[in-house]
Amino acid sequence: GSTRMQSLTSSREYNFVPMSSLRHVQWQTKEEWLQVHAWAYSSDVLLKRKACHRIMSWRSRGKLPTALDAMSWLLDAEVQDQLSTQSENSGVREAYSMALMRFVNVMTDQDQKG
């Protein structure tokens, strides 16, 4: 009994990661993160929109990393711009203005925190 248990535990390799180096993120796997990254930087506006939707779902799970949060607002404005008609231009300008203001606010808040 106990010798079998010892041989099972001794044959396993444990890699311990200090708790201080762990970080909570909203995406579930590295593959999910890489997929959204590929969508966001795609030339296909529908894939960019898909990235925006996934990032919004991540945002609903909690605070996003600063760079991702700032980039997502700009990406959303770009998608709105590419999908808009000529009559919707004022809404697109507003989206870009808000995205740039959020970007600047996020970046300056980050600088103030140290």
Protein backbone atom coordinates (compact mmCIF):
# COMPACT_ATOMS: atom_id res chain seq x y z
CA GLY A 1 0.00 0.00 0.00
CA SER A 2 2.32 2.77 1.18
CA THR A 3 5.26 1.71 -1.02
CA ARG A 4 3.00 1.91 -4.08
CA MET A 5 1.93 5.42 -3.05
CA GLN A 6 5.56 6.47 -2.52
CA SER A 7 6.56 5.17 -5.94
CA LEU A 8 3.65 7.03 -7.57
CA THR A 9 4.52 10.32 -5.91
CA SER A 10 8.24 9.97 -6.43
CA SER A 11 7.79 9.24 -10.14
CA ARG A 12 5.85 12.48 -10.70
CA GLU A 13 7.67 15.67 -11.42
CA TYR A 14 6.26 18.75 -9.70
CA ASN A 15 6.94 22.23 -10.97
CA PHE A 16 5.94 24.73 -8.33
CA VAL A 17 5.35 28.33 -9.32
CA PRO A 18 5.56 30.97 -6.59
CA MET A 19 2.17 32.56 -5.96
CA SER A 20 3.65 36.03 -6.43
CA SER A 21 4.41 35.26 -10.09
CA LEU A 22 0.87 34.09 -10.92
CA ARG A 23 -1.56 36.50 -12.55
CA HIS A 24 -5.32 36.18 -13.00
CA VAL A 25 -6.42 36.74 -16.59
CA GLN A 26 -9.87 36.68 -18.18
CA TRP A 27 -9.07 34.33 -21.08
CA GLN A 28 -9.12 30.63 -20.40
CA THR A 29 -6.14 29.43 -22.43
CA LYS A 30 -3.10 30.77 -24.21
CA GLU A 31 -4.66 29.55 -27.46
CA GLU A 32 -7.75 31.70 -26.83
CA TRP A 33 -5.51 34.72 -26.25
CA LEU A 34 -3.54 34.05 -29.45
CA GLN A 35 -6.73 33.57 -31.47
CA VAL A 36 -8.16 36.90 -30.33
CA HIS A 37 -4.82 38.57 -31.05
CA ALA A 38 -4.89 37.16 -34.60
CA TRP A 39 -8.48 38.37 -35.09
CA ALA A 40 -7.66 41.86 -33.76
CA TYR A 41 -4.75 42.34 -36.18
CA SER A 42 -6.48 40.72 -39.15
CA SER A 43 -7.32 42.74 -42.26
CA ASP A 44 -10.84 41.24 -42.15
CA VAL A 45 -13.20 43.62 -40.34
CA LEU A 46 -15.53 40.77 -39.36
CA LEU A 47 -12.68 39.03 -37.53
CA LYS A 48 -11.82 42.33 -35.84
CA ARG A 49 -15.44 42.62 -34.73
CA LYS A 50 -15.24 39.06 -33.40
CA ALA A 51 -12.15 40.09 -31.39
CA CYS A 52 -14.07 43.09 -29.99
CA HIS A 53 -16.91 40.84 -28.86
CA ARG A 54 -14.55 38.38 -27.17
CA ILE A 55 -12.68 41.21 -25.42
CA MET A 56 -16.02 42.61 -24.20
CA SER A 57 -16.80 39.21 -22.69
CA TRP A 58 -13.40 39.23 -20.99
CA ARG A 59 -14.12 42.73 -19.65
CA SER A 60 -17.35 41.42 -18.10
CA ARG A 61 -15.28 38.87 -16.14
CA GLY A 62 -13.10 41.51 -14.51
CA LYS A 63 -10.45 44.14 -15.05
CA LEU A 64 -8.43 43.82 -18.24
CA PRO A 65 -4.69 44.45 -18.48
CA THR A 66 -4.12 48.15 -19.21
CA ALA A 67 -2.70 47.75 -22.72
CA LEU A 68 -5.49 45.39 -23.79
CA ASP A 69 -8.17 47.69 -22.39
CA ALA A 70 -6.77 50.72 -24.22
CA MET A 71 -6.28 48.81 -27.47
CA SER A 72 -9.78 47.35 -27.38
CA TRP A 73 -11.46 50.76 -27.39
CA LEU A 74 -9.39 51.81 -30.40
CA LEU A 75 -10.14 48.52 -32.17
CA ASP A 76 -13.86 48.96 -31.54
CA ALA A 77 -13.78 52.46 -33.06
CA GLU A 78 -11.89 51.13 -36.10
CA VAL A 79 -14.49 48.38 -36.59
CA GLN A 80 -17.33 50.90 -36.31
CA ASP A 81 -15.55 53.07 -38.88
CA GLN A 82 -15.09 50.23 -41.35
CA LEU A 83 -18.69 49.02 -41.01
CA SER A 84 -20.37 52.45 -41.02
CA THR A 85 -22.10 54.24 -43.86
CA GLN A 86 -21.45 57.85 -44.84
CA SER A 87 -24.49 59.04 -42.80
CA GLU A 88 -23.05 57.49 -39.61
CA ASN A 89 -19.75 59.45 -39.69
CA SER A 90 -20.53 61.60 -36.64
CA GLY A 91 -21.02 58.46 -34.54
CA VAL A 92 -17.71 57.09 -35.77
CA ARG A 93 -15.92 60.35 -34.95
CA GLU A 94 -17.45 60.17 -31.49
CA ALA A 95 -16.26 56.56 -31.09
CA TYR A 96 -12.70 57.55 -32.07
CA SER A 97 -12.80 60.53 -29.69
CA MET A 98 -13.96 58.39 -26.79
CA ALA A 99 -11.43 55.67 -27.61
CA LEU A 100 -8.56 58.17 -27.70
CA MET A 101 -9.69 59.80 -24.45
CA ARG A 102 -9.90 56.39 -22.75
CA PHE A 103 -6.50 55.45 -24.17
CA VAL A 104 -4.89 58.62 -22.81
CA ASN A 105 -6.65 58.25 -19.44
CA VAL A 106 -5.61 54.62 -19.05
CA MET A 107 -2.02 55.39 -19.97
CA THR A 108 -1.71 58.45 -17.72
CA ASP A 109 -3.38 56.64 -14.81
CA GLN A 110 -0.86 53.84 -15.25
CA ASP A 111 2.01 56.36 -15.12
CA GLN A 112 0.64 57.94 -11.94
CA LYS A 113 0.47 54.57 -10.15
CA GLY A 114 4.20 54.15 -10.55
